[in-house]
Amino acid sequence: MASKEETVIQYKSNHEGRVLTKLNRLRKVKMFTDVTFKLEDGEVSAHRNVLAAYSDYYEKMFTSGFKEGFNKDIEIKEIKASILDLLFTFIYLQVIDISDKTVCQLYEASDYLQFNG
């Protein structure tokens, strides 16, 4: 706690942006990832803590005592790998590429995964 004579200046960096950007790069090469989603057309890996920090859905999935909380691989049949990858990129980077070909699939997948952002 600062005294009355002391001047305190708070410095705010873009630390979280740099960390999440790096984590997304690591996710893309499957380094330090601890969960892989198996889809009909491929797979997408991620870090459980990042997913759980963003989404109540993932927090509950990983902490509820169900098999998804313990298994490294989780099967999802309702979503394409490219769509899940776009959504995970959004979780990590707060940026998403939406086209006329993906808009409906992104909406349906985000609804299915209970994304509220």
PDB file of N, CA and C in Angstrom:
ATOM      1  N   MET A   1       0.843  -1.179   0.000  1.00  0.00           N
ATOM      2  CA  MET A   1       0.000   0.000   0.000  1.00  0.00           C
ATOM      3  C   MET A   1       0.887   1.241   0.000  1.00  0.00           C
ATOM      4  N   ALA A   2       0.561   2.187  -0.839  1.00  0.00           N
ATOM      5  CA  ALA A   2       1.366   3.404  -0.981  1.00  0.00           C
ATOM      6  C   ALA A   2       1.049   4.384   0.139  1.00  0.00           C
ATOM      7  N   SER A   3       2.101   5.057   0.593  1.00  0.00           N
ATOM      8  CA  SER A   3       1.897   6.105   1.597  1.00  0.00           C
ATOM      9  C   SER A   3       1.367   7.349   0.899  1.00  0.00           C
ATOM     10  N   LYS A   4       0.967   8.359   1.677  1.00  0.00           N
ATOM     11  CA  LYS A   4       0.413   9.588   1.098  1.00  0.00           C
ATOM     12  C   LYS A   4       1.435  10.347   0.270  1.00  0.00           C
ATOM     13  N   GLU A   5       2.713  10.219   0.589  1.00  0.00           N
ATOM     14  CA  GLU A   5       3.755  10.923  -0.150  1.00  0.00           C
ATOM     15  C   GLU A   5       4.217  10.164  -1.385  1.00  0.00           C
ATOM     16  N   GLU A   6       3.896   8.893  -1.470  1.00  0.00           N
ATOM     17  CA  GLU A   6       4.396   8.046  -2.543  1.00  0.00           C
ATOM     18  C   GLU A   6       3.480   8.120  -3.769  1.00  0.00           C
ATOM     19  N   THR A   7       4.078   8.234  -4.925  1.00  0.00           N
ATOM     20  CA  THR A   7       3.334   8.218  -6.169  1.00  0.00           C
ATOM     21  C   THR A   7       3.480   6.836  -6.792  1.00  0.00           C
ATOM     22  N   VAL A   8       2.382   6.243  -7.159  1.00  0.00           N
ATOM     23  CA  VAL A   8       2.390   4.912  -7.750  1.00  0.00           C
ATOM     24  C   VAL A   8       1.831   5.016  -9.155  1.00  0.00           C
ATOM     25  N   ILE A   9       2.549   4.451 -10.083  1.00  0.00           N
ATOM     26  CA  ILE A   9       2.099   4.407 -11.473  1.00  0.00           C
ATOM     27  C   ILE A   9       1.892   2.944 -11.827  1.00  0.00           C
ATOM     28  N   GLN A  10       0.740   2.641 -12.365  1.00  0.00           N
ATOM     29  CA  GLN A  10       0.452   1.267 -12.760  1.00  0.00           C
ATOM     30  C   GLN A  10       0.757   1.089 -14.245  1.00  0.00           C
ATOM     31  N   TYR A  11       1.536   0.081 -14.527  1.00  0.00           N
ATOM     32  CA  TYR A  11       1.883  -0.240 -15.907  1.00  0.00           C
ATOM     33  C   TYR A  11       1.020  -1.408 -16.351  1.00  0.00           C
ATOM     34  N   LYS A  12       0.381  -1.293 -17.494  1.00  0.00           N
ATOM     35  CA  LYS A  12      -0.453  -2.363 -18.045  1.00  0.00           C
ATOM     36  C   LYS A  12       0.126  -2.774 -19.388  1.00  0.00           C
ATOM     37  N   SER A  13       0.520  -4.020 -19.510  1.00  0.00           N
ATOM     38  CA  SER A  13       1.071  -4.511 -20.767  1.00  0.00           C
ATOM     39  C   SER A  13       0.037  -5.364 -21.487  1.00  0.00           C
ATOM     40  N   ASN A  14       0.405  -5.835 -22.639  1.00  0.00           N
ATOM     41  CA  ASN A  14      -0.436  -6.748 -23.403  1.00  0.00           C
ATOM     42  C   ASN A  14      -0.004  -8.186 -23.141  1.00  0.00           C
ATOM     43  N   HIS A  15       0.321  -8.460 -21.907  1.00  0.00           N
ATOM     44  CA  HIS A  15       0.844  -9.759 -21.505  1.00  0.00           C
ATOM     45  C   HIS A  15      -0.101 -10.895 -21.902  1.00  0.00           C
ATOM     46  N   GLU A  16      -1.378 -10.744 -21.599  1.00  0.00           N
ATOM     47  CA  GLU A  16      -2.315 -11.832 -21.884  1.00  0.00           C
ATOM     48  C   GLU A  16      -2.418 -12.097 -23.384  1.00  0.00           C
ATOM     49  N   GLY A  17      -2.339 -11.059 -24.185  1.00  0.00           N
ATOM     50  CA  GLY A  17      -2.378 -11.244 -25.632  1.00  0.00           C
ATOM     51  C   GLY A  17      -1.170 -12.011 -26.140  1.00  0.00           C
ATOM     52  N   ARG A  18       0.000 -11.678 -25.627  1.00  0.00           N
ATOM     53  CA  ARG A  18       1.219 -12.379 -26.043  1.00  0.00           C
ATOM     54  C   ARG A  18       1.192 -13.828 -25.591  1.00  0.00           C
ATOM     55  N   VAL A  19       0.735 -14.064 -24.370  1.00  0.00           N
ATOM     56  CA  VAL A  19       0.693 -15.426 -23.843  1.00  0.00           C
ATOM     57  C   VAL A  19      -0.291 -16.272 -24.644  1.00  0.00           C
ATOM     58  N   LEU A  20      -1.471 -15.748 -24.896  1.00  0.00           N
ATOM     59  CA  LEU A  20      -2.462 -16.526 -25.646  1.00  0.00           C
ATOM     60  C   LEU A  20      -2.054 -16.734 -27.101  1.00  0.00           C
ATOM     61  N   THR A  21      -1.383 -15.765 -27.686  1.00  0.00           N
ATOM     62  CA  THR A  21      -0.882 -15.939 -29.048  1.00  0.00           C
ATOM     63  C   THR A  21       0.125 -17.080 -29.096  1.00  0.00           C
ATOM     64  N   LYS A  22       1.020 -17.106 -28.127  1.00  0.00           N
ATOM     65  CA  LYS A  22       2.009 -18.175 -28.055  1.00  0.00           C
ATOM     66  C   LYS A  22       1.343 -19.521 -27.781  1.00  0.00           C
ATOM     67  N   LEU A  23       0.378 -19.550 -26.873  1.00  0.00           N
ATOM     68  CA  LEU A  23      -0.335 -20.790 -26.596  1.00  0.00           C
ATOM     69  C   LEU A  23      -1.069 -21.303 -27.835  1.00  0.00           C
ATOM     70  N   ASN A  24      -1.615 -20.391 -28.633  1.00  0.00           N
ATOM     71  CA  ASN A  24      -2.294 -20.814 -29.853  1.00  0.00           C
ATOM     72  C   ASN A  24      -1.301 -21.421 -30.840  1.00  0.00           C
ATOM     73  N   ARG A  25      -0.103 -20.821 -30.948  1.00  0.00           N
ATOM     74  CA  ARG A  25       0.936 -21.401 -31.807  1.00  0.00           C
ATOM     75  C   ARG A  25       1.314 -22.803 -31.318  1.00  0.00           C
ATOM     76  N   LEU A  26       1.452 -22.948 -30.007  1.00  0.00           N
ATOM     77  CA  LEU A  26       1.773 -24.257 -29.441  1.00  0.00           C
ATOM     78  C   LEU A  26       0.637 -25.250 -29.687  1.00  0.00           C
ATOM     79  N   ARG A  27      -0.591 -24.774 -29.599  1.00  0.00           N
ATOM     80  CA  ARG A  27      -1.762 -25.630 -29.860  1.00  0.00           C
ATOM     81  C   ARG A  27      -1.732 -26.157 -31.285  1.00  0.00           C
ATOM     82  N   LYS A  28      -1.376 -25.302 -32.219  1.00  0.00           N
ATOM     83  CA  LYS A  28      -1.370 -25.686 -33.634  1.00  0.00           C
ATOM     84  C   LYS A  28      -0.368 -26.803 -33.918  1.00  0.00           C
ATOM     85  N   VAL A  29       0.729 -26.850 -33.162  1.00  0.00           N
ATOM     86  CA  VAL A  29       1.725 -27.908 -33.357  1.00  0.00           C
ATOM     87  C   VAL A  29       1.605 -29.006 -32.291  1.00  0.00           C
ATOM     88  N   LYS A  30       0.519 -28.962 -31.537  1.00  0.00           N
ATOM     89  CA  LYS A  30       0.202 -29.961 -30.510  1.00  0.00           C
ATOM     90  C   LYS A  30       1.274 -30.067 -29.431  1.00  0.00           C
ATOM     91  N   MET A  31       1.852 -28.940 -29.079  1.00  0.00           N
ATOM     92  CA  MET A  31       2.854 -28.926 -28.021  1.00  0.00           C
ATOM     93  C   MET A  31       2.197 -28.501 -26.711  1.00  0.00           C
ATOM     94  N   PHE A  32       2.379 -29.307 -25.692  1.00  0.00           N
ATOM     95  CA  PHE A  32       1.827 -29.084 -24.353  1.00  0.00           C
ATOM     96  C   PHE A  32       0.303 -29.165 -24.317  1.00  0.00           C
ATOM     97  N   THR A  33      -0.341 -29.603 -25.389  1.00  0.00           N
ATOM     98  CA  THR A  33      -1.788 -29.769 -25.359  1.00  0.00           C
ATOM     99  C   THR A  33      -2.118 -30.994 -24.517  1.00  0.00           C
ATOM    100  N   ASP A  34      -3.274 -30.963 -23.870  1.00  0.00           N
ATOM    101  CA  ASP A  34      -3.643 -32.077 -23.014  1.00  0.00           C
ATOM    102  C   ASP A  34      -5.019 -32.641 -23.331  1.00  0.00           C
ATOM    103  N   VAL A  35      -5.613 -32.199 -24.433  1.00  0.00           N
ATOM    104  CA  VAL A  35      -6.878 -32.771 -24.877  1.00  0.00           C
ATOM    105  C   VAL A  35      -6.935 -32.685 -26.403  1.00  0.00           C
ATOM    106  N   THR A  36      -7.454 -33.755 -27.020  1.00  0.00           N
ATOM    107  CA  THR A  36      -7.618 -33.789 -28.465  1.00  0.00           C
ATOM    108  C   THR A  36      -9.055 -34.181 -28.766  1.00  0.00           C
ATOM    109  N   PHE A  37      -9.704 -33.362 -29.569  1.00  0.00           N
ATOM    110  CA  PHE A  37     -11.078 -33.632 -29.980  1.00  0.00           C
ATOM    111  C   PHE A  37     -11.034 -34.390 -31.297  1.00  0.00           C
ATOM    112  N   LYS A  38     -11.616 -35.589 -31.287  1.00  0.00           N
ATOM    113  CA  LYS A  38     -11.668 -36.453 -32.456  1.00  0.00           C
ATOM    114  C   LYS A  38     -13.001 -36.212 -33.159  1.00  0.00           C
ATOM    115  N   LEU A  39     -12.897 -35.773 -34.404  1.00  0.00           N
ATOM    116  CA  LEU A  39     -14.075 -35.477 -35.196  1.00  0.00           C
ATOM    117  C   LEU A  39     -14.085 -36.399 -36.407  1.00  0.00           C
ATOM    118  N   GLU A  40     -15.195 -36.482 -37.098  1.00  0.00           N
ATOM    119  CA  GLU A  40     -15.278 -37.404 -38.235  1.00  0.00           C
ATOM    120  C   GLU A  40     -14.252 -37.083 -39.311  1.00  0.00           C
ATOM    121  N   ASP A  41     -13.897 -35.809 -39.465  1.00  0.00           N
ATOM    122  CA  ASP A  41     -13.005 -35.415 -40.554  1.00  0.00           C
ATOM    123  C   ASP A  41     -11.629 -34.946 -40.078  1.00  0.00           C
ATOM    124  N   GLY A  42     -11.274 -35.244 -38.840  1.00  0.00           N
ATOM    125  CA  GLY A  42      -9.965 -34.845 -38.345  1.00  0.00           C
ATOM    126  C   GLY A  42      -9.947 -34.711 -36.839  1.00  0.00           C
ATOM    127  N   GLU A  43      -8.948 -34.016 -36.349  1.00  0.00           N
ATOM    128  CA  GLU A  43      -8.847 -33.794 -34.905  1.00  0.00           C
ATOM    129  C   GLU A  43      -8.302 -32.405 -34.628  1.00  0.00           C
ATOM    130  N   VAL A  44      -8.634 -31.894 -33.441  1.00  0.00           N
ATOM    131  CA  VAL A  44      -8.201 -30.572 -33.011  1.00  0.00           C
ATOM    132  C   VAL A  44      -7.747 -30.692 -31.561  1.00  0.00           C
ATOM    133  N   SER A  45      -6.530 -30.241 -31.287  1.00  0.00           N
ATOM    134  CA  SER A  45      -5.993 -30.311 -29.932  1.00  0.00           C
ATOM    135  C   SER A  45      -6.064 -28.942 -29.262  1.00  0.00           C
ATOM    136  N   ALA A  46      -6.013 -28.953 -27.926  1.00  0.00           N
ATOM    137  CA  ALA A  46      -6.098 -27.699 -27.172  1.00  0.00           C
ATOM    138  C   ALA A  46      -5.552 -27.918 -25.768  1.00  0.00           C
ATOM    139  N   HIS A  47      -5.531 -26.839 -25.019  1.00  0.00           N
ATOM    140  CA  HIS A  47      -5.124 -26.855 -23.613  1.00  0.00           C
ATOM    141  C   HIS A  47      -6.407 -26.742 -22.772  1.00  0.00           C
ATOM    142  N   ARG A  48      -6.645 -27.710 -21.930  1.00  0.00           N
ATOM    143  CA  ARG A  48      -7.865 -27.731 -21.111  1.00  0.00           C
ATOM    144  C   ARG A  48      -8.044 -26.436 -20.313  1.00  0.00           C
ATOM    145  N   ASN A  49      -6.952 -25.942 -19.734  1.00  0.00           N
ATOM    146  CA  ASN A  49      -7.082 -24.760 -18.877  1.00  0.00           C
ATOM    147  C   ASN A  49      -7.538 -23.537 -19.675  1.00  0.00           C
ATOM    148  N   VAL A  50      -7.095 -23.407 -20.921  1.00  0.00           N
ATOM    149  CA  VAL A  50      -7.530 -22.272 -21.742  1.00  0.00           C
ATOM    150  C   VAL A  50      -9.010 -22.415 -22.083  1.00  0.00           C
ATOM    151  N   LEU A  51      -9.424 -23.612 -22.485  1.00  0.00           N
ATOM    152  CA  LEU A  51     -10.837 -23.837 -22.814  1.00  0.00           C
ATOM    153  C   LEU A  51     -11.729 -23.602 -21.593  1.00  0.00           C
ATOM    154  N   ALA A  52     -11.313 -24.126 -20.446  1.00  0.00           N
ATOM    155  CA  ALA A  52     -12.110 -23.974 -19.227  1.00  0.00           C
ATOM    156  C   ALA A  52     -12.152 -22.530 -18.752  1.00  0.00           C
ATOM    157  N   ALA A  53     -11.081 -21.780 -18.971  1.00  0.00           N
ATOM    158  CA  ALA A  53     -11.070 -20.369 -18.570  1.00  0.00           C
ATOM    159  C   ALA A  53     -12.035 -19.554 -19.421  1.00  0.00           C
ATOM    160  N   TYR A  54     -12.246 -19.965 -20.670  1.00  0.00           N
ATOM    161  CA  TYR A  54     -13.146 -19.225 -21.562  1.00  0.00           C
ATOM    162  C   TYR A  54     -14.601 -19.658 -21.396  1.00  0.00           C
ATOM    163  N   SER A  55     -14.831 -20.936 -21.203  1.00  0.00           N
ATOM    164  CA  SER A  55     -16.179 -21.485 -21.340  1.00  0.00           C
ATOM    165  C   SER A  55     -16.615 -22.286 -20.119  1.00  0.00           C
ATOM    166  N   ASP A  56     -17.775 -21.945 -19.592  1.00  0.00           N
ATOM    167  CA  ASP A  56     -18.361 -22.733 -18.503  1.00  0.00           C
ATOM    168  C   ASP A  56     -18.618 -24.167 -18.950  1.00  0.00           C
ATOM    169  N   TYR A  57     -18.967 -24.348 -20.228  1.00  0.00           N
ATOM    170  CA  TYR A  57     -19.210 -25.674 -20.789  1.00  0.00           C
ATOM    171  C   TYR A  57     -17.976 -26.555 -20.615  1.00  0.00           C
ATOM    172  N   TYR A  58     -16.806 -26.028 -21.006  1.00  0.00           N
ATOM    173  CA  TYR A  58     -15.577 -26.808 -20.886  1.00  0.00           C
ATOM    174  C   TYR A  58     -15.148 -26.952 -19.438  1.00  0.00           C
ATOM    175  N   GLU A  59     -15.350 -25.946 -18.646  1.00  0.00           N
ATOM    176  CA  GLU A  59     -15.012 -26.061 -17.226  1.00  0.00           C
ATOM    177  C   GLU A  59     -15.793 -27.214 -16.595  1.00  0.00           C
ATOM    178  N   LYS A  60     -17.092 -27.277 -16.888  1.00  0.00           N
ATOM    179  CA  LYS A  60     -17.917 -28.369 -16.354  1.00  0.00           C
ATOM    180  C   LYS A  60     -17.508 -29.706 -16.945  1.00  0.00           C
ATOM    181  N   MET A  61     -17.193 -29.718 -18.243  1.00  0.00           N
ATOM    182  CA  MET A  61     -16.786 -30.961 -18.904  1.00  0.00           C
ATOM    183  C   MET A  61     -15.550 -31.555 -18.239  1.00  0.00           C
ATOM    184  N   PHE A  62     -14.597 -30.694 -17.922  1.00  0.00           N
ATOM    185  CA  PHE A  62     -13.323 -31.181 -17.411  1.00  0.00           C
ATOM    186  C   PHE A  62     -13.288 -31.386 -15.903  1.00  0.00           C
ATOM    187  N   THR A  63     -14.277 -30.877 -15.178  1.00  0.00           N
ATOM    188  CA  THR A  63     -14.246 -30.979 -13.717  1.00  0.00           C
ATOM    189  C   THR A  63     -15.420 -31.743 -13.115  1.00  0.00           C
ATOM    190  N   SER A  64     -16.324 -32.233 -13.938  1.00  0.00           N
ATOM    191  CA  SER A  64     -17.548 -32.836 -13.427  1.00  0.00           C
ATOM    192  C   SER A  64     -17.398 -34.278 -12.972  1.00  0.00           C
ATOM    193  N   GLY A  65     -16.270 -34.894 -13.277  1.00  0.00           N
ATOM    194  CA  GLY A  65     -16.103 -36.295 -12.926  1.00  0.00           C
ATOM    195  C   GLY A  65     -16.482 -37.242 -14.053  1.00  0.00           C
ATOM    196  N   PHE A  66     -16.970 -36.708 -15.163  1.00  0.00           N
ATOM    197  CA  PHE A  66     -17.287 -37.534 -16.320  1.00  0.00           C
ATOM    198  C   PHE A  66     -16.005 -37.922 -17.039  1.00  0.00           C
ATOM    199  N   LYS A  67     -16.103 -38.897 -17.947  1.00  0.00           N
ATOM    200  CA  LYS A  67     -14.924 -39.421 -18.637  1.00  0.00           C
ATOM    201  C   LYS A  67     -14.159 -38.351 -19.410  1.00  0.00           C
ATOM    202  N   GLU A  68     -14.824 -37.314 -19.895  1.00  0.00           N
ATOM    203  CA  GLU A  68     -14.152 -36.248 -20.640  1.00  0.00           C
ATOM    204  C   GLU A  68     -13.109 -35.514 -19.795  1.00  0.00           C
ATOM    205  N   GLY A  69     -13.314 -35.534 -18.489  1.00  0.00           N
ATOM    206  CA  GLY A  69     -12.365 -34.890 -17.602  1.00  0.00           C
ATOM    207  C   GLY A  69     -11.070 -35.661 -17.434  1.00  0.00           C
ATOM    208  N   PHE A  70     -11.094 -36.945 -17.787  1.00  0.00           N
ATOM    209  CA  PHE A  70      -9.921 -37.795 -17.594  1.00  0.00           C
ATOM    210  C   PHE A  70      -9.275 -38.239 -18.905  1.00  0.00           C
ATOM    211  N   ASN A  71     -10.086 -38.359 -19.937  1.00  0.00           N
ATOM    212  CA  ASN A  71      -9.584 -38.846 -21.222  1.00  0.00           C
ATOM    213  C   ASN A  71      -8.842 -37.763 -21.982  1.00  0.00           C
ATOM    214  N   LYS A  72      -7.776 -38.133 -22.635  1.00  0.00           N
ATOM    215  CA  LYS A  72      -7.050 -37.189 -23.482  1.00  0.00           C
ATOM    216  C   LYS A  72      -7.805 -36.954 -24.783  1.00  0.00           C
ATOM    217  N   ASP A  73      -8.516 -37.974 -25.252  1.00  0.00           N
ATOM    218  CA  ASP A  73      -9.276 -37.870 -26.503  1.00  0.00           C
ATOM    219  C   ASP A  73     -10.769 -37.788 -26.215  1.00  0.00           C
ATOM    220  N   ILE A  74     -11.421 -36.854 -26.888  1.00  0.00           N
ATOM    221  CA  ILE A  74     -12.862 -36.668 -26.743  1.00  0.00           C
ATOM    222  C   ILE A  74     -13.482 -36.700 -28.134  1.00  0.00           C
ATOM    223  N   GLU A  75     -14.480 -37.547 -28.323  1.00  0.00           N
ATOM    224  CA  GLU A  75     -15.142 -37.655 -29.619  1.00  0.00           C
ATOM    225  C   GLU A  75     -16.304 -36.674 -29.711  1.00  0.00           C
ATOM    226  N   ILE A  76     -16.355 -35.982 -30.838  1.00  0.00           N
ATOM    227  CA  ILE A  76     -17.485 -35.103 -31.152  1.00  0.00           C
ATOM    228  C   ILE A  76     -17.848 -35.372 -32.606  1.00  0.00           C
ATOM    229  N   LYS A  77     -19.057 -35.784 -32.853  1.00  0.00           N
ATOM    230  CA  LYS A  77     -19.485 -36.114 -34.219  1.00  0.00           C
ATOM    231  C   LYS A  77     -20.237 -34.965 -34.884  1.00  0.00           C
ATOM    232  N   GLU A  78     -20.716 -34.018 -34.111  1.00  0.00           N
ATOM    233  CA  GLU A  78     -21.619 -32.986 -34.627  1.00  0.00           C
ATOM    234  C   GLU A  78     -20.919 -31.794 -35.281  1.00  0.00           C
ATOM    235  N   ILE A  79     -19.599 -31.717 -35.204  1.00  0.00           N
ATOM    236  CA  ILE A  79     -18.873 -30.527 -35.653  1.00  0.00           C
ATOM    237  C   ILE A  79     -17.719 -30.946 -36.558  1.00  0.00           C
ATOM    238  N   LYS A  80     -17.459 -30.158 -37.576  1.00  0.00           N
ATOM    239  CA  LYS A  80     -16.305 -30.400 -38.442  1.00  0.00           C
ATOM    240  C   LYS A  80     -15.036 -29.883 -37.763  1.00  0.00           C
ATOM    241  N   ALA A  81     -13.921 -30.526 -38.066  1.00  0.00           N
ATOM    242  CA  ALA A  81     -12.639 -30.140 -37.474  1.00  0.00           C
ATOM    243  C   ALA A  81     -12.283 -28.692 -37.813  1.00  0.00           C
ATOM    244  N   SER A  82     -12.523 -28.275 -39.039  1.00  0.00           N
ATOM    245  CA  SER A  82     -12.180 -26.901 -39.436  1.00  0.00           C
ATOM    246  C   SER A  82     -12.995 -25.871 -38.657  1.00  0.00           C
ATOM    247  N   ILE A  83     -14.231 -26.202 -38.345  1.00  0.00           N
ATOM    248  CA  ILE A  83     -15.095 -25.288 -37.581  1.00  0.00           C
ATOM    249  C   ILE A  83     -14.634 -25.233 -36.130  1.00  0.00           C
ATOM    250  N   LEU A  84     -14.330 -26.383 -35.540  1.00  0.00           N
ATOM    251  CA  LEU A  84     -13.853 -26.392 -34.158  1.00  0.00           C
ATOM    252  C   LEU A  84     -12.525 -25.647 -34.051  1.00  0.00           C
ATOM    253  N   ASP A  85     -11.661 -25.806 -35.038  1.00  0.00           N
ATOM    254  CA  ASP A  85     -10.397 -25.087 -35.034  1.00  0.00           C
ATOM    255  C   ASP A  85     -10.617 -23.577 -35.092  1.00  0.00           C
ATOM    256  N   LEU A  86     -11.560 -23.115 -35.902  1.00  0.00           N
ATOM    257  CA  LEU A  86     -11.888 -21.683 -35.944  1.00  0.00           C
ATOM    258  C   LEU A  86     -12.378 -21.190 -34.579  1.00  0.00           C
ATOM    259  N   LEU A  87     -13.228 -21.983 -33.935  1.00  0.00           N
ATOM    260  CA  LEU A  87     -13.746 -21.584 -32.621  1.00  0.00           C
ATOM    261  C   LEU A  87     -12.635 -21.575 -31.564  1.00  0.00           C
ATOM    262  N   PHE A  88     -11.748 -22.551 -31.613  1.00  0.00           N
ATOM    263  CA  PHE A  88     -10.638 -22.560 -30.659  1.00  0.00           C
ATOM    264  C   PHE A  88      -9.689 -21.396 -30.913  1.00  0.00           C
ATOM    265  N   THR A  89      -9.469 -21.068 -32.173  1.00  0.00           N
ATOM    266  CA  THR A  89      -8.641 -19.902 -32.482  1.00  0.00           C
ATOM    267  C   THR A  89      -9.282 -18.649 -31.899  1.00  0.00           C
ATOM    268  N   PHE A  90     -10.599 -18.557 -31.966  1.00  0.00           N
ATOM    269  CA  PHE A  90     -11.295 -17.424 -31.365  1.00  0.00           C
ATOM    270  C   PHE A  90     -11.090 -17.387 -29.852  1.00  0.00           C
ATOM    271  N   ILE A  91     -11.167 -18.543 -29.205  1.00  0.00           N
ATOM    272  CA  ILE A  91     -10.955 -18.599 -27.760  1.00  0.00           C
ATOM    273  C   ILE A  91      -9.566 -18.079 -27.414  1.00  0.00           C
ATOM    274  N   TYR A  92      -8.575 -18.479 -28.160  1.00  0.00           N
ATOM    275  CA  TYR A  92      -7.198 -18.088 -27.873  1.00  0.00           C
ATOM    276  C   TYR A  92      -6.898 -16.649 -28.285  1.00  0.00           C
ATOM    277  N   LEU A  93      -7.373 -16.235 -29.461  1.00  0.00           N
ATOM    278  CA  LEU A  93      -6.931 -14.957 -30.033  1.00  0.00           C
ATOM    279  C   LEU A  93      -7.995 -13.864 -30.090  1.00  0.00           C
ATOM    280  N   GLN A  94      -9.243 -14.193 -29.802  1.00  0.00           N
ATOM    281  CA  GLN A  94     -10.354 -13.244 -29.877  1.00  0.00           C
ATOM    282  C   GLN A  94     -10.576 -12.734 -31.300  1.00  0.00           C
ATOM    283  N   VAL A  95     -10.215 -13.560 -32.272  1.00  0.00           N
ATOM    284  CA  VAL A  95     -10.383 -13.233 -33.683  1.00  0.00           C
ATOM    285  C   VAL A  95     -10.940 -14.467 -34.369  1.00  0.00           C
ATOM    286  N   ILE A  96     -11.893 -14.253 -35.273  1.00  0.00           N
ATOM    287  CA  ILE A  96     -12.445 -15.393 -36.007  1.00  0.00           C
ATOM    288  C   ILE A  96     -12.694 -14.990 -37.446  1.00  0.00           C
ATOM    289  N   ASP A  97     -12.361 -15.893 -38.357  1.00  0.00           N
ATOM    290  CA  ASP A  97     -12.614 -15.682 -39.776  1.00  0.00           C
ATOM    291  C   ASP A  97     -13.945 -16.337 -40.124  1.00  0.00           C
ATOM    292  N   ILE A  98     -14.894 -15.527 -40.544  1.00  0.00           N
ATOM    293  CA  ILE A  98     -16.235 -16.011 -40.874  1.00  0.00           C
ATOM    294  C   ILE A  98     -16.483 -15.752 -42.355  1.00  0.00           C
ATOM    295  N   SER A  99     -16.913 -16.783 -43.047  1.00  0.00           N
ATOM    296  CA  SER A  99     -17.258 -16.630 -44.466  1.00  0.00           C
ATOM    297  C   SER A  99     -18.705 -17.047 -44.660  1.00  0.00           C
ATOM    298  N   ASP A 100     -19.190 -16.806 -45.861  1.00  0.00           N
ATOM    299  CA  ASP A 100     -20.566 -17.217 -46.142  1.00  0.00           C
ATOM    300  C   ASP A 100     -20.697 -18.745 -46.103  1.00  0.00           C
ATOM    301  N   LYS A 101     -19.591 -19.479 -46.254  1.00  0.00           N
ATOM    302  CA  LYS A 101     -19.617 -20.935 -46.194  1.00  0.00           C
ATOM    303  C   LYS A 101     -19.560 -21.469 -44.767  1.00  0.00           C
ATOM    304  N   THR A 102     -19.049 -20.667 -43.831  1.00  0.00           N
ATOM    305  CA  THR A 102     -18.876 -21.159 -42.457  1.00  0.00           C
ATOM    306  C   THR A 102     -19.835 -20.545 -41.445  1.00  0.00           C
ATOM    307  N   VAL A 103     -20.522 -19.474 -41.806  1.00  0.00           N
ATOM    308  CA  VAL A 103     -21.303 -18.735 -40.815  1.00  0.00           C
ATOM    309  C   VAL A 103     -22.353 -19.613 -40.126  1.00  0.00           C
ATOM    310  N   CYS A 104     -23.079 -20.399 -40.869  1.00  0.00           N
ATOM    311  CA  CYS A 104     -24.114 -21.247 -40.260  1.00  0.00           C
ATOM    312  C   CYS A 104     -23.497 -22.343 -39.398  1.00  0.00           C
ATOM    313  N   GLN A 105     -22.423 -22.951 -39.898  1.00  0.00           N
ATOM    314  CA  GLN A 105     -21.759 -24.006 -39.134  1.00  0.00           C
ATOM    315  C   GLN A 105     -21.160 -23.465 -37.841  1.00  0.00           C
ATOM    316  N   LEU A 106     -20.584 -22.264 -37.901  1.00  0.00           N
ATOM    317  CA  LEU A 106     -20.031 -21.641 -36.696  1.00  0.00           C
ATOM    318  C   LEU A 106     -21.124 -21.340 -35.682  1.00  0.00           C
ATOM    319  N   TYR A 107     -22.232 -20.835 -36.174  1.00  0.00           N
ATOM    320  CA  TYR A 107     -23.355 -20.531 -35.276  1.00  0.00           C
ATOM    321  C   TYR A 107     -23.860 -21.812 -34.609  1.00  0.00           C
ATOM    322  N   GLU A 108     -24.061 -22.855 -35.392  1.00  0.00           N
ATOM    323  CA  GLU A 108     -24.564 -24.116 -34.842  1.00  0.00           C
ATOM    324  C   GLU A 108     -23.572 -24.737 -33.857  1.00  0.00           C
ATOM    325  N   ALA A 109     -22.294 -24.713 -34.201  1.00  0.00           N
ATOM    326  CA  ALA A 109     -21.280 -25.287 -33.314  1.00  0.00           C
ATOM    327  C   ALA A 109     -21.153 -24.488 -32.025  1.00  0.00           C
ATOM    328  N   SER A 110     -21.181 -23.166 -32.129  1.00  0.00           N
ATOM    329  CA  SER A 110     -21.064 -22.349 -30.914  1.00  0.00           C
ATOM    330  C   SER A 110     -22.287 -22.535 -30.031  1.00  0.00           C
ATOM    331  N   ASP A 111     -23.436 -22.750 -30.632  1.00  0.00           N
ATOM    332  CA  ASP A 111     -24.640 -23.033 -29.846  1.00  0.00           C
ATOM    333  C   ASP A 111     -24.523 -24.411 -29.176  1.00  0.00           C
ATOM    334  N   TYR A 112     -24.071 -25.399 -29.920  1.00  0.00           N
ATOM    335  CA  TYR A 112     -23.886 -26.736 -29.391  1.00  0.00           C
ATOM    336  C   TYR A 112     -22.907 -26.751 -28.217  1.00  0.00           C
ATOM    337  N   LEU A 113     -21.820 -25.967 -28.350  1.00  0.00           N
ATOM    338  CA  LEU A 113     -20.785 -25.912 -27.305  1.00  0.00           C
ATOM    339  C   LEU A 113     -21.069 -24.869 -26.232  1.00  0.00           C
ATOM    340  N   GLN A 114     -22.218 -24.241 -26.333  1.00  0.00           N
ATOM    341  CA  GLN A 114     -22.688 -23.252 -25.342  1.00  0.00           C
ATOM    342  C   GLN A 114     -21.721 -22.079 -25.183  1.00  0.00           C
ATOM    343  N   PHE A 115     -21.201 -21.590 -26.296  1.00  0.00           N
ATOM    344  CA  PHE A 115     -20.382 -20.386 -26.268  1.00  0.00           C
ATOM    345  C   PHE A 115     -21.317 -19.200 -26.128  1.00  0.00           C
ATOM    346  N   ASN A 116     -21.061 -18.368 -25.174  1.00  0.00           N
ATOM    347  CA  ASN A 116     -21.944 -17.234 -24.928  1.00  0.00           C
ATOM    348  C   ASN A 116     -21.325 -15.904 -25.317  1.00  0.00           C
ATOM    349  N   GLY A 117     -20.202 -15.926 -26.036  1.00  0.00           N
ATOM    350  CA  GLY A 117     -19.529 -14.702 -26.396  1.00  0.00           C
ATOM    351  C   GLY A 117     -19.848 -14.308 -27.781  1.00  0.00           C
TER     352      GLY A 117
END
